[in-house]
Amino acid sequence: MNHLEIEYKTLLTKNEYQQLLPLFSKIKATKQINYYIDTADFSIRDAKMALRIRTFETRAELTLKIPQQVGNMEYNQFLTLKESHTFINICVLPEGKIRTLLTQAAINLEKLKVLGSLTTIRYEKETTIGLMALDENHYFDKTDYELELEVTDAEIGKEQFNYFLQAHHIHYKYAKPKVARFAQNL
């Protein structure tokens, strides 16, 4: 499954996060663990891509993100938890589109390794302006908070995201992608 991901995000202070939590009071939080994968010399990052396995309670997915002029093309491959644990332990990519794309990009699949993980407690709901996610992220000894909005129209989405932030008295704070924040702390 692939789709074009267009999202806007802002880092939040702990107070801003707590201020937004009531908007998600009817939503059950999900725990997801992102395992970031690259080679020791960061050949995937250097090719401007990101590779991760995200595990949930009962399933997992392998995702390759490739930047586009607007947003990222996301290639997702669903895995069982057993398949994900096998990959995390021995780093052999399953057959499929992601393996093919990495091979075409001349990434040495023999050298893949899990760099570490980031755990997210996520509240997610569909809103009139797009799919909104409120995240609490834990990696290394850090905790950060962010709000994401996934939209289908980049211009309208940006406008509505900014309006939402203003309406809730939240100052926009640039949020690097989770993988970049994680890598910065390696």
Foldseek 3Di string as FASTA:
>chain_A
DKDFWAKDKFWADVVLLVLCVVVLVVFAWWKKKKFWKAFPVRLQVVQVKTWIWIDTPFWIKIWIWHDDPGGTIIDIDIGGVVVVVVCQVQVDDDDDDVVVVCVVSVGDSNRMHGPAMKMWTWRWDQDPLAIKIWIWIDADNDTIIMIMGTHDDNPSSVVVVVVVCVVSVHDGHDDDPPVVVRVVVD
